[in-house]
C-alpha atoms as a PDB file:
ATOM      1  CA  MET A   1     -16.644  52.634  12.488  1.00  0.00           C
ATOM      2  CA  ARG A   2     -18.802  49.680  10.666  1.00  0.00           C
ATOM      3  CA  THR A   3     -20.882  47.752  12.942  1.00  0.00           C
ATOM      4  CA  HIS A   4     -22.663  44.879  12.553  1.00  0.00           C
ATOM      5  CA  LYS A   5     -26.281  45.286  11.091  1.00  0.00           C
ATOM      6  CA  LEU A   6     -27.635  48.363  12.715  1.00  0.00           C
ATOM      7  CA  VAL A   7     -30.928  49.664  12.355  1.00  0.00           C
ATOM      8  CA  PHE A   8     -32.088  53.258  12.755  1.00  0.00           C
ATOM      9  CA  LEU A   9     -35.229  53.784  14.257  1.00  0.00           C
ATOM     10  CA  PHE A  10     -37.010  57.833  13.464  1.00  0.00           C
ATOM     11  CA  PRO A  11     -39.590  58.996  15.795  1.00  0.00           C
ATOM     12  CA  GLY A  12     -42.827  60.212  14.510  1.00  0.00           C
ATOM     13  CA  GLN A  13     -45.431  63.354  15.738  1.00  0.00           C
ATOM     14  CA  GLY A  14     -45.481  63.205  20.030  1.00  0.00           C
ATOM     15  CA  SER A  15     -41.703  63.207  20.441  1.00  0.00           C
ATOM     16  CA  GLN A  16     -40.848  66.919  20.140  1.00  0.00           C
ATOM     17  CA  SER A  17     -39.811  68.809  22.837  1.00  0.00           C
ATOM     18  CA  VAL A  18     -38.563  72.561  23.452  1.00  0.00           C
ATOM     19  CA  GLY A  19     -34.653  72.161  22.876  1.00  0.00           C
ATOM     20  CA  MET A  20     -33.971  69.580  21.221  1.00  0.00           C
ATOM     21  CA  GLY A  21     -31.447  69.438  18.540  1.00  0.00           C
ATOM     22  CA  ARG A  22     -29.900  72.536  20.339  1.00  0.00           C
ATOM     23  CA  ASP A  23     -26.593  70.493  21.731  1.00  0.00           C
ATOM     24  CA  LEU A  24     -25.796  69.069  17.896  1.00  0.00           C
ATOM     25  CA  PHE A  25     -26.126  72.471  17.013  1.00  0.00           C
ATOM     26  CA  ASP A  26     -23.726  73.947  19.095  1.00  0.00           C
ATOM     27  CA  LYS A  27     -21.578  71.009  18.829  1.00  0.00           C
ATOM     28  CA  PHE A  28     -21.143  69.677  15.405  1.00  0.00           C
ATOM     29  CA  SER A  29     -20.990  71.580  12.123  1.00  0.00           C
ATOM     30  CA  VAL A  30     -22.881  69.025  10.119  1.00  0.00           C
ATOM     31  CA  ALA A  31     -25.766  69.626  12.433  1.00  0.00           C
ATOM     32  CA  ARG A  32     -25.849  73.315  12.190  1.00  0.00           C
ATOM     33  CA  ARG A  33     -25.947  72.760   8.262  1.00  0.00           C
ATOM     34  CA  THR A  34     -29.002  70.668   8.659  1.00  0.00           C
ATOM     35  CA  PHE A  35     -30.821  73.186  10.382  1.00  0.00           C
ATOM     36  CA  GLU A  36     -29.625  76.067   8.336  1.00  0.00           C
ATOM     37  CA  GLU A  37     -30.601  73.949   4.912  1.00  0.00           C
ATOM     38  CA  ALA A  38     -34.277  73.561   6.778  1.00  0.00           C
ATOM     39  CA  ASP A  39     -34.669  77.244   7.255  1.00  0.00           C
ATOM     40  CA  ASP A  40     -33.611  78.185   4.122  1.00  0.00           C
ATOM     41  CA  ALA A  41     -35.822  75.432   2.348  1.00  0.00           C
ATOM     42  CA  LEU A  42     -38.883  76.631   4.691  1.00  0.00           C
ATOM     43  CA  GLY A  43     -38.212  80.084   4.443  1.00  0.00           C
ATOM     44  CA  PHE A  44     -38.727  80.795   8.503  1.00  0.00           C
ATOM     45  CA  ALA A  45     -36.349  79.701  11.525  1.00  0.00           C
ATOM     46  CA  ILE A  46     -37.829  76.128  12.201  1.00  0.00           C
ATOM     47  CA  SER A  47     -34.539  76.145  14.029  1.00  0.00           C
ATOM     48  CA  ASN A  48     -35.590  78.847  16.220  1.00  0.00           C
ATOM     49  CA  LEU A  49     -38.747  76.748  17.010  1.00  0.00           C
ATOM     50  CA  CYS A  50     -36.558  73.490  18.179  1.00  0.00           C
ATOM     51  CA  PHE A  51     -34.437  75.614  20.124  1.00  0.00           C
ATOM     52  CA  ASN A  52     -36.652  77.848  21.924  1.00  0.00           C
ATOM     53  CA  GLY A  53     -40.298  76.940  21.397  1.00  0.00           C
ATOM     54  CA  PRO A  54     -42.753  78.187  22.088  1.00  0.00           C
ATOM     55  CA  GLU A  55     -43.894  75.013  23.103  1.00  0.00           C
ATOM     56  CA  GLU A  56     -47.307  76.182  22.182  1.00  0.00           C
ATOM     57  CA  GLN A  57     -46.495  76.554  18.428  1.00  0.00           C
ATOM     58  CA  LEU A  58     -43.989  73.559  18.341  1.00  0.00           C
ATOM     59  CA  LYS A  59     -47.219  71.201  19.270  1.00  0.00           C
ATOM     60  CA  LEU A  60     -49.163  72.625  16.160  1.00  0.00           C
ATOM     61  CA  THR A  61     -49.152  69.720  13.429  1.00  0.00           C
ATOM     62  CA  GLU A  62     -47.817  71.763  10.577  1.00  0.00           C
ATOM     63  CA  PHE A  63     -44.676  72.889  12.813  1.00  0.00           C
ATOM     64  CA  THR A  64     -44.037  69.703  15.129  1.00  0.00           C
ATOM     65  CA  GLN A  65     -43.849  67.631  11.408  1.00  0.00           C
ATOM     66  CA  PRO A  66     -40.641  69.450  10.092  1.00  0.00           C
ATOM     67  CA  ALA A  67     -39.382  70.192  13.373  1.00  0.00           C
ATOM     68  CA  ILE A  68     -38.963  66.187  14.529  1.00  0.00           C
ATOM     69  CA  PHE A  69     -37.919  65.707  11.002  1.00  0.00           C
ATOM     70  CA  THR A  70     -34.959  68.191  10.761  1.00  0.00           C
ATOM     71  CA  VAL A  71     -33.412  66.885  14.163  1.00  0.00           C
ATOM     72  CA  SER A  72     -33.834  63.218  12.912  1.00  0.00           C
ATOM     73  CA  ILE A  73     -31.536  63.954  10.436  1.00  0.00           C
ATOM     74  CA  ALA A  74     -29.191  66.412  11.931  1.00  0.00           C
ATOM     75  CA  THR A  75     -28.670  63.517  14.263  1.00  0.00           C
ATOM     76  CA  GLN A  76     -28.415  60.959  11.778  1.00  0.00           C
ATOM     77  CA  ARG A  77     -25.484  63.449   9.681  1.00  0.00           C
ATOM     78  CA  VAL A  78     -23.880  63.638  12.844  1.00  0.00           C
ATOM     79  CA  LEU A  79     -23.597  59.624  12.925  1.00  0.00           C
ATOM     80  CA  ALA A  80     -22.398  59.459   9.598  1.00  0.00           C
ATOM     81  CA  GLU A  81     -19.526  61.978  10.033  1.00  0.00           C
ATOM     82  CA  LYS A  82     -18.262  59.309  13.102  1.00  0.00           C
ATOM     83  CA  GLY A  83     -18.826  56.130  10.515  1.00  0.00           C
ATOM     84  CA  VAL A  84     -22.157  54.836  12.466  1.00  0.00           C
ATOM     85  CA  THR A  85     -24.395  53.819   9.334  1.00  0.00           C
ATOM     86  CA  PRO A  86     -27.708  51.426   9.357  1.00  0.00           C
ATOM     87  CA  SER A  87     -27.966  48.117   7.383  1.00  0.00           C
ATOM     88  CA  TYR A  88     -31.924  49.150   7.831  1.00  0.00           C
ATOM     89  CA  VAL A  89     -34.486  52.124   8.493  1.00  0.00           C
ATOM     90  CA  ALA A  90     -37.739  52.290   9.685  1.00  0.00           C
ATOM     91  CA  GLY A  91     -39.719  55.422  11.019  1.00  0.00           C
ATOM     92  CA  HIS A  92     -42.605  56.082  12.847  1.00  0.00           C
ATOM     93  CA  SER A  93     -45.313  57.778  10.633  1.00  0.00           C
ATOM     94  CA  LEU A  94     -43.944  60.974   9.948  1.00  0.00           C
ATOM     95  CA  GLY A  95     -40.487  59.254  11.051  1.00  0.00           C
ATOM     96  CA  GLU A  96     -40.971  57.256   7.212  1.00  0.00           C
ATOM     97  CA  TYR A  97     -39.387  60.841   5.746  1.00  0.00           C
ATOM     98  CA  SER A  98     -36.781  60.748   7.689  1.00  0.00           C
ATOM     99  CA  ALA A  99     -35.838  56.584   6.832  1.00  0.00           C
ATOM    100  CA  ASN A 100     -36.476  57.631   3.016  1.00  0.00           C
ATOM    101  CA  VAL A 101     -33.510  60.785   3.613  1.00  0.00           C
ATOM    102  CA  ALA A 102     -31.539  58.439   5.384  1.00  0.00           C
ATOM    103  CA  ALA A 103     -31.810  55.621   2.774  1.00  0.00           C
ATOM    104  CA  GLY A 104     -31.129  58.079   0.108  1.00  0.00           C
ATOM    105  CA  VAL A 105     -34.413  57.853  -1.491  1.00  0.00           C
ATOM    106  CA  ILE A 106     -35.354  61.687  -1.124  1.00  0.00           C
ATOM    107  CA  SER A 107     -33.722  64.879  -0.616  1.00  0.00           C
ATOM    108  CA  PHE A 108     -33.755  66.776   2.595  1.00  0.00           C
ATOM    109  CA  ALA A 109     -34.814  70.017   1.490  1.00  0.00           C
ATOM    110  CA  ASP A 110     -37.874  68.386  -0.741  1.00  0.00           C
ATOM    111  CA  ALA A 111     -38.477  66.045   2.580  1.00  0.00           C
ATOM    112  CA  VAL A 112     -38.873  68.786   4.788  1.00  0.00           C
ATOM    113  CA  ARG A 113     -41.167  70.972   2.626  1.00  0.00           C
ATOM    114  CA  THR A 114     -43.118  68.245   2.081  1.00  0.00           C
ATOM    115  CA  VAL A 115     -43.463  67.406   6.507  1.00  0.00           C
ATOM    116  CA  ARG A 116     -44.863  70.811   6.710  1.00  0.00           C
ATOM    117  CA  SER A 117     -47.162  70.705   3.780  1.00  0.00           C
ATOM    118  CA  ARG A 118     -48.210  66.903   5.480  1.00  0.00           C
ATOM    119  CA  GLY A 119     -48.759  68.682   8.855  1.00  0.00           C
ATOM    120  CA  GLN A 120     -50.849  71.104   7.300  1.00  0.00           C
ATOM    121  CA  PHE A 121     -52.990  69.179   4.638  1.00  0.00           C
ATOM    122  CA  MET A 122     -53.657  66.997   8.237  1.00  0.00           C
ATOM    123  CA  GLN A 123     -54.501  69.687  10.478  1.00  0.00           C
ATOM    124  CA  GLU A 124     -57.347  71.073   7.683  1.00  0.00           C
ATOM    125  CA  ALA A 125     -59.031  67.234   6.710  1.00  0.00           C
ATOM    126  CA  VAL A 126     -61.038  67.532   9.566  1.00  0.00           C
ATOM    127  CA  PRO A 127     -62.835  70.349  11.218  1.00  0.00           C
ATOM    128  CA  ALA A 128     -61.798  70.699  14.688  1.00  0.00           C
ATOM    129  CA  GLY A 129     -63.745  68.724  17.444  1.00  0.00           C
ATOM    130  CA  GLN A 130     -64.739  66.445  14.944  1.00  0.00           C
ATOM    131  CA  GLY A 131     -61.989  64.061  15.516  1.00  0.00           C
ATOM    132  CA  ALA A 132     -60.273  62.128  18.058  1.00  0.00           C
ATOM    133  CA  MET A 133     -57.435  59.489  18.811  1.00  0.00           C
ATOM    134  CA  SER A 134     -57.519  57.241  22.025  1.00  0.00           C
ATOM    135  CA  ALA A 135     -54.306  54.966  23.116  1.00  0.00           C
ATOM    136  CA  VAL A 136     -55.819  51.560  24.443  1.00  0.00           C
ATOM    137  CA  LEU A 137     -53.571  50.065  26.995  1.00  0.00           C
ATOM    138  CA  GLY A 138     -53.556  46.447  28.203  1.00  0.00           C
ATOM    139  CA  MET A 139     -55.456  44.699  25.565  1.00  0.00           C
ATOM    140  CA  SER A 140     -54.607  43.000  22.566  1.00  0.00           C
ATOM    141  CA  SER A 141     -54.552  44.690  19.356  1.00  0.00           C
ATOM    142  CA  GLU A 142     -56.925  42.505  18.016  1.00  0.00           C
ATOM    143  CA  GLU A 143     -59.478  42.674  21.057  1.00  0.00           C
ATOM    144  CA  ALA A 144     -59.013  46.576  20.123  1.00  0.00           C
ATOM    145  CA  ALA A 145     -59.133  46.411  16.345  1.00  0.00           C
ATOM    146  CA  LYS A 146     -62.669  44.375  16.905  1.00  0.00           C
ATOM    147  CA  ALA A 147     -64.211  46.988  19.720  1.00  0.00           C
ATOM    148  CA  CYS A 148     -63.665  49.331  16.745  1.00  0.00           C
ATOM    149  CA  ALA A 149     -64.960  47.404  14.393  1.00  0.00           C
ATOM    150  CA  ASP A 150     -67.919  46.658  16.425  1.00  0.00           C
ATOM    151  CA  THR A 151     -68.642  50.150  16.769  1.00  0.00           C
ATOM    152  CA  ALA A 152     -68.194  51.383  13.433  1.00  0.00           C
ATOM    153  CA  ALA A 153     -70.603  48.912  12.692  1.00  0.00           C
ATOM    154  CA  GLU A 154     -72.739  50.179  14.944  1.00  0.00           C
ATOM    155  CA  THR A 155     -72.395  54.060  14.747  1.00  0.00           C
ATOM    156  CA  GLN A 156     -72.256  54.012  11.166  1.00  0.00           C
ATOM    157  CA  ALA A 157     -69.249  56.293  12.053  1.00  0.00           C
ATOM    158  CA  VAL A 158     -65.551  56.166  11.032  1.00  0.00           C
ATOM    159  CA  VAL A 159     -62.972  54.413  14.100  1.00  0.00           C
ATOM    160  CA  SER A 160     -60.155  52.257  13.767  1.00  0.00           C
ATOM    161  CA  PRO A 161     -56.846  51.324  14.749  1.00  0.00           C
ATOM    162  CA  ALA A 162     -54.305  53.681  14.208  1.00  0.00           C
ATOM    163  CA  ASN A 163     -50.991  52.607  15.309  1.00  0.00           C
ATOM    164  CA  PHE A 164     -50.237  49.069  16.567  1.00  0.00           C
ATOM    165  CA  ASN A 165     -47.421  50.646  19.026  1.00  0.00           C
ATOM    166  CA  SER A 166     -46.736  47.538  20.734  1.00  0.00           C
ATOM    167  CA  PRO A 167     -48.403  44.339  21.945  1.00  0.00           C
ATOM    168  CA  GLU A 168     -50.115  46.016  24.960  1.00  0.00           C
ATOM    169  CA  GLN A 169     -50.494  49.312  23.423  1.00  0.00           C
ATOM    170  CA  THR A 170     -53.158  50.612  20.110  1.00  0.00           C
ATOM    171  CA  VAL A 171     -53.772  53.970  19.236  1.00  0.00           C
ATOM    172  CA  ILE A 172     -57.456  54.315  17.934  1.00  0.00           C
ATOM    173  CA  SER A 173     -58.801  57.108  15.347  1.00  0.00           C
ATOM    174  CA  GLY A 174     -61.654  58.575  13.907  1.00  0.00           C
ATOM    175  CA  ASP A 175     -64.700  60.425  14.681  1.00  0.00           C
ATOM    176  CA  THR A 176     -64.828  61.704  18.008  1.00  0.00           C
ATOM    177  CA  LEU A 177     -67.894  60.066  19.606  1.00  0.00           C
ATOM    178  CA  ALA A 178     -67.016  56.949  17.785  1.00  0.00           C
ATOM    179  CA  VAL A 179     -63.791  56.951  19.581  1.00  0.00           C
ATOM    180  CA  ALA A 180     -65.382  57.655  22.509  1.00  0.00           C
ATOM    181  CA  ARG A 181     -67.793  54.776  22.155  1.00  0.00           C
ATOM    182  CA  ALA A 182     -65.066  52.265  21.133  1.00  0.00           C
ATOM    183  CA  GLY A 183     -63.022  53.493  24.318  1.00  0.00           C
ATOM    184  CA  GLU A 184     -65.876  52.651  26.277  1.00  0.00           C
ATOM    185  CA  LEU A 185     -66.324  49.159  24.529  1.00  0.00           C
ATOM    186  CA  CYS A 186     -62.576  48.437  25.339  1.00  0.00           C
ATOM    187  CA  LYS A 187     -62.984  49.000  28.988  1.00  0.00           C
ATOM    188  CA  GLU A 188     -65.684  46.920  29.360  1.00  0.00           C
ATOM    189  CA  ARG A 189     -63.983  44.185  27.384  1.00  0.00           C
ATOM    190  CA  GLY A 190     -61.040  44.071  29.415  1.00  0.00           C
ATOM    191  CA  ALA A 191     -58.853  46.725  28.331  1.00  0.00           C
ATOM    192  CA  LYS A 192     -56.761  48.340  31.571  1.00  0.00           C
ATOM    193  CA  LYS A 193     -56.891  51.652  29.899  1.00  0.00           C
ATOM    194  CA  VAL A 194     -57.900  54.121  27.677  1.00  0.00           C
ATOM    195  CA  VAL A 195     -56.394  57.815  27.188  1.00  0.00           C
ATOM    196  CA  ALA A 196     -57.789  60.313  25.125  1.00  0.00           C
ATOM    197  CA  LEU A 197     -54.785  61.878  23.067  1.00  0.00           C
ATOM    198  CA  ALA A 198     -54.106  65.478  22.905  1.00  0.00           C
ATOM    199  CA  VAL A 199     -53.683  65.838  19.401  1.00  0.00           C
ATOM    200  CA  SER A 200     -55.324  68.281  16.556  1.00  0.00           C
ATOM    201  CA  ALA A 201     -56.951  65.607  14.013  1.00  0.00           C
ATOM    202  CA  PRO A 202     -57.441  61.898  13.825  1.00  0.00           C
ATOM    203  CA  PHE A 203     -54.627  60.880  12.071  1.00  0.00           C
ATOM    204  CA  HIS A 204     -54.037  57.406  10.041  1.00  0.00           C
ATOM    205  CA  CYS A 205     -57.912  56.716   9.374  1.00  0.00           C
ATOM    206  CA  ALA A 206     -59.984  57.022   6.390  1.00  0.00           C
ATOM    207  CA  LEU A 207     -61.098  60.687   7.858  1.00  0.00           C
ATOM    208  CA  MET A 208     -57.016  61.955   6.403  1.00  0.00           C
ATOM    209  CA  GLN A 209     -58.329  60.637   2.784  1.00  0.00           C
ATOM    210  CA  PRO A 210     -58.506  64.584   1.706  1.00  0.00           C
ATOM    211  CA  ALA A 211     -55.479  64.824   3.245  1.00  0.00           C
ATOM    212  CA  GLN A 212     -54.096  61.972   1.339  1.00  0.00           C
ATOM    213  CA  ASP A 213     -55.232  63.181  -1.979  1.00  0.00           C
ATOM    214  CA  ARG A 214     -53.589  66.755  -1.567  1.00  0.00           C
ATOM    215  CA  LEU A 215     -50.050  64.892  -0.474  1.00  0.00           C
ATOM    216  CA  ALA A 216     -50.124  62.687  -3.289  1.00  0.00           C
ATOM    217  CA  ALA A 217     -50.056  65.633  -5.715  1.00  0.00           C
ATOM    218  CA  LEU A 218     -47.019  67.014  -4.231  1.00  0.00           C
ATOM    219  CA  LEU A 219     -45.316  63.217  -3.638  1.00  0.00           C
ATOM    220  CA  ASN A 220     -45.611  62.145  -7.425  1.00  0.00           C
ATOM    221  CA  ALA A 221     -44.056  65.688  -8.673  1.00  0.00           C
ATOM    222  CA  MET A 222     -40.857  64.729  -6.429  1.00  0.00           C
ATOM    223  CA  ALA A 223     -37.352  62.513  -7.622  1.00  0.00           C
ATOM    224  CA  PHE A 224     -37.672  59.237  -5.613  1.00  0.00           C
ATOM    225  CA  LEU A 225     -34.423  57.202  -6.045  1.00  0.00           C
ATOM    226  CA  PRO A 226     -34.228  53.513  -4.799  1.00  0.00           C
ATOM    227  CA  ALA A 227     -32.865  53.125  -1.480  1.00  0.00           C
ATOM    228  CA  SER A 228     -29.606  52.514  -0.839  1.00  0.00           C
ATOM    229  CA  ILE A 229     -30.367  50.155   2.009  1.00  0.00           C
ATOM    230  CA  PRO A 230     -34.075  48.624   3.019  1.00  0.00           C
ATOM    231  CA  VAL A 231     -36.751  50.915   4.311  1.00  0.00           C
ATOM    232  CA  ALA A 232     -39.104  49.268   6.761  1.00  0.00           C
ATOM    233  CA  VAL A 233     -42.676  50.801   5.600  1.00  0.00           C
ATOM    234  CA  ASN A 234     -45.234  51.109   7.879  1.00  0.00           C
ATOM    235  CA  VAL A 235     -47.931  50.166   6.357  1.00  0.00           C
ATOM    236  CA  ASP A 236     -47.590  47.127   4.426  1.00  0.00           C
ATOM    237  CA  THR A 237     -44.703  45.693   7.158  1.00  0.00           C
ATOM    238  CA  ALA A 238     -41.951  44.834   4.220  1.00  0.00           C
ATOM    239  CA  LEU A 239     -38.862  46.037   3.708  1.00  0.00           C
ATOM    240  CA  VAL A 240     -38.552  48.310   0.541  1.00  0.00           C
ATOM    241  CA  SER A 241     -35.912  49.437  -1.497  1.00  0.00           C
ATOM    242  CA  ASP A 242     -38.210  50.092  -4.971  1.00  0.00           C
ATOM    243  CA  ALA A 243     -38.599  54.111  -5.461  1.00  0.00           C
ATOM    244  CA  ARG A 244     -42.527  53.527  -6.379  1.00  0.00           C
ATOM    245  CA  GLN A 245     -43.071  51.635  -3.616  1.00  0.00           C
ATOM    246  CA  LEU A 246     -41.582  53.817  -1.167  1.00  0.00           C
ATOM    247  CA  ARG A 247     -43.403  56.493  -2.527  1.00  0.00           C
ATOM    248  CA  ASP A 248     -46.822  54.920  -2.352  1.00  0.00           C
ATOM    249  CA  ALA A 249     -45.890  54.169   0.934  1.00  0.00           C
ATOM    250  CA  LEU A 250     -45.637  57.339   2.168  1.00  0.00           C
ATOM    251  CA  ILE A 251     -49.046  58.095  -0.044  1.00  0.00           C
ATOM    252  CA  ARG A 252     -50.970  55.265   1.564  1.00  0.00           C
ATOM    253  CA  GLN A 253     -49.744  55.792   5.256  1.00  0.00           C
ATOM    254  CA  VAL A 254     -51.863  58.928   5.635  1.00  0.00           C
ATOM    255  CA  THR A 255     -55.259  56.846   6.168  1.00  0.00           C
ATOM    256  CA  GLY A 256     -53.592  53.502   6.682  1.00  0.00           C
ATOM    257  CA  SER A 257     -52.687  52.078  10.078  1.00  0.00           C
ATOM    258  CA  VAL A 258     -48.736  52.586  11.531  1.00  0.00           C
ATOM    259  CA  ARG A 259     -48.092  49.069  12.008  1.00  0.00           C
ATOM    260  CA  TRP A 260     -45.459  49.379  14.426  1.00  0.00           C
ATOM    261  CA  VAL A 261     -44.860  45.728  15.966  1.00  0.00           C
ATOM    262  CA  GLU A 262     -44.987  43.925  12.990  1.00  0.00           C
ATOM    263  CA  SER A 263     -42.437  46.011  11.327  1.00  0.00           C
ATOM    264  CA  MET A 264     -39.962  45.857  14.440  1.00  0.00           C
ATOM    265  CA  ARG A 265     -40.683  42.165  14.289  1.00  0.00           C
ATOM    266  CA  LEU A 266     -39.624  42.220  10.679  1.00  0.00           C
ATOM    267  CA  LEU A 267     -36.389  44.023  11.471  1.00  0.00           C
ATOM    268  CA  ILE A 268     -35.427  41.708  14.252  1.00  0.00           C
ATOM    269  CA  GLU A 269     -35.575  38.487  12.070  1.00  0.00           C
ATOM    270  CA  GLU A 270     -33.095  40.008  10.531  1.00  0.00           C
ATOM    271  CA  ARG A 271     -30.881  39.620  13.736  1.00  0.00           C
ATOM    272  CA  PRO A 272     -29.336  43.048  14.206  1.00  0.00           C
ATOM    273  CA  ALA A 273     -26.856  44.012  16.504  1.00  0.00           C
ATOM    274  CA  HIS A 274     -28.392  47.124  17.964  1.00  0.00           C
ATOM    275  CA  PHE A 275     -31.328  49.054  17.111  1.00  0.00           C
ATOM    276  CA  ILE A 276     -30.764  53.125  17.353  1.00  0.00           C
ATOM    277  CA  GLU A 277     -33.359  55.782  18.111  1.00  0.00           C
ATOM    278  CA  VAL A 278     -32.203  58.992  15.940  1.00  0.00           C
ATOM    279  CA  GLY A 279     -33.386  62.533  17.318  1.00  0.00           C
ATOM    280  CA  SER A 280     -35.528  63.476  19.741  1.00  0.00           C
ATOM    281  CA  GLY A 281     -37.023  61.577  22.491  1.00  0.00           C
ATOM    282  CA  LYS A 282     -37.010  57.937  23.771  1.00  0.00           C
ATOM    283  CA  VAL A 283     -40.577  56.759  22.910  1.00  0.00           C
ATOM    284  CA  LEU A 284     -39.348  54.259  20.421  1.00  0.00           C
ATOM    285  CA  SER A 285     -36.878  52.566  22.738  1.00  0.00           C
ATOM    286  CA  GLY A 286     -39.568  52.575  25.492  1.00  0.00           C
ATOM    287  CA  LEU A 287     -41.973  50.726  22.297  1.00  0.00           C
ATOM    288  CA  MET A 288     -39.102  48.442  21.764  1.00  0.00           C
ATOM    289  CA  ARG A 289     -38.723  47.103  25.386  1.00  0.00           C
ATOM    290  CA  GLN A 290     -42.503  46.260  25.046  1.00  0.00           C
ATOM    291  CA  ILE A 291     -42.035  44.238  21.785  1.00  0.00           C
ATOM    292  CA  ASP A 292     -38.661  42.025  22.875  1.00  0.00           C
ATOM    293  CA  ARG A 293     -36.875  43.601  25.816  1.00  0.00           C
ATOM    294  CA  SER A 294     -33.901  41.382  24.605  1.00  0.00           C
ATOM    295  CA  GLN A 295     -32.930  44.021  21.941  1.00  0.00           C
ATOM    296  CA  ARG A 296     -30.073  46.203  22.174  1.00  0.00           C
ATOM    297  CA  CYS A 297     -31.976  50.119  21.497  1.00  0.00           C
ATOM    298  CA  MET A 298     -30.274  52.724  22.233  1.00  0.00           C
ATOM    299  CA  THR A 299     -30.771  56.680  21.897  1.00  0.00           C
ATOM    300  CA  VAL A 300     -28.806  59.373  19.962  1.00  0.00           C
ATOM    301  CA  GLY A 301     -30.126  63.246  20.511  1.00  0.00           C
ATOM    302  CA  ASP A 302     -27.683  65.145  22.161  1.00  0.00           C
ATOM    303  CA  GLU A 303     -23.634  65.009  22.316  1.00  0.00           C
ATOM    304  CA  ALA A 304     -24.223  62.626  25.886  1.00  0.00           C
ATOM    305  CA  SER A 305     -25.819  59.860  24.317  1.00  0.00           C
ATOM    306  CA  LEU A 306     -23.788  59.769  21.094  1.00  0.00           C
ATOM    307  CA  MET A 307     -20.958  59.111  22.779  1.00  0.00           C
ATOM    308  CA  LYS A 308     -22.681  56.492  25.144  1.00  0.00           C
ATOM    309  CA  THR A 309     -23.875  54.907  22.036  1.00  0.00           C
ATOM    310  CA  LEU A 310     -20.167  54.963  20.340  1.00  0.00           C
ATOM    311  CA  ALA A 311     -18.342  53.920  23.274  1.00  0.00           C
ATOM    312  CA  ALA A 312     -21.213  50.669  23.134  1.00  0.00           C
ATOM    313  CA  LEU A 313     -20.140  49.826  19.502  1.00  0.00           C
ATOM    314  CA  ASP A 314     -16.611  50.399  19.916  1.00  0.00           C
ATOM    315  CA  PRO A 315     -16.330  46.761  20.518  1.00  0.00           C
ATOM    316  CA  GLN A 316     -18.530  45.672  17.842  1.00  0.00           C
ATOM    317  CA  ALA A 317     -16.487  47.484  14.636  1.00  0.00           C
ATOM    318  CA  GLN A 318     -15.874  45.155  11.953  1.00  0.00           C
ATOM    319  CA  GLU A 319     -13.476  48.002  10.345  1.00  0.00           C
ATOM    320  CA  LEU A 320     -12.210  51.019  11.303  1.00  0.00           C
END
């Protein structure tokens, strides 16, 4: 099934749930082989953690990241086996590794080991309790960014936008007290709500520089190939196929902001027929509704959602 201009979206941390991927593992041999490949590459059963938990362990960044990544690629491979392939790929933070594997840039085994290390490096970059993240809701990204800049100037501490998730949802990250102060400033200036996030580290801010430096050493030692299809990279909001640029983007995204809204608008300009969220959860589909409700966005994470997506795509088939 060749379909007209599909975009695959790959989720990041926060989309995990105990049981994810189990249905595909049970029903599709290509998914089963993917989980077995991940277990072999990591030297422990990430498959068992995905399927059975415990949830507290699955929430630990060093396990969350390879778990979500493995489910995403298992799902993408099932879709490929059904003849459903994208014209473009994008991934939210961690999901950009899935996007690069789907585009043939890096190998699955290299990537799953690297995202495990990425999670460890990010966890270890800042001592527990010294960093925080909050979601600012009902305020423009420009206003949220200004509140961060004003707070940083006032406190001489790190606080900045981490994720530009939707027109009215911006996640901020940095030193614990500075994030709290910036959140207060956002509320004073009209934000509907500021929600402290239950995260283990302040991702996508300058405090992650030690993690970025350690990860750069790993990525610079890995083989990167030119992308077979363009990857919409988070940190630059650009469609990229060049291997060196894709490597550089994965390095810089550790401290850089996830510019998701701009990335989605860039892809919308390509006039895709459908967006498909590939893997666990429906976070990115929800964000798309906030960015542009006119876009058709489906999710695939189990057999039922796969069958529903295949049925929706069939009228769009160009050739069989």
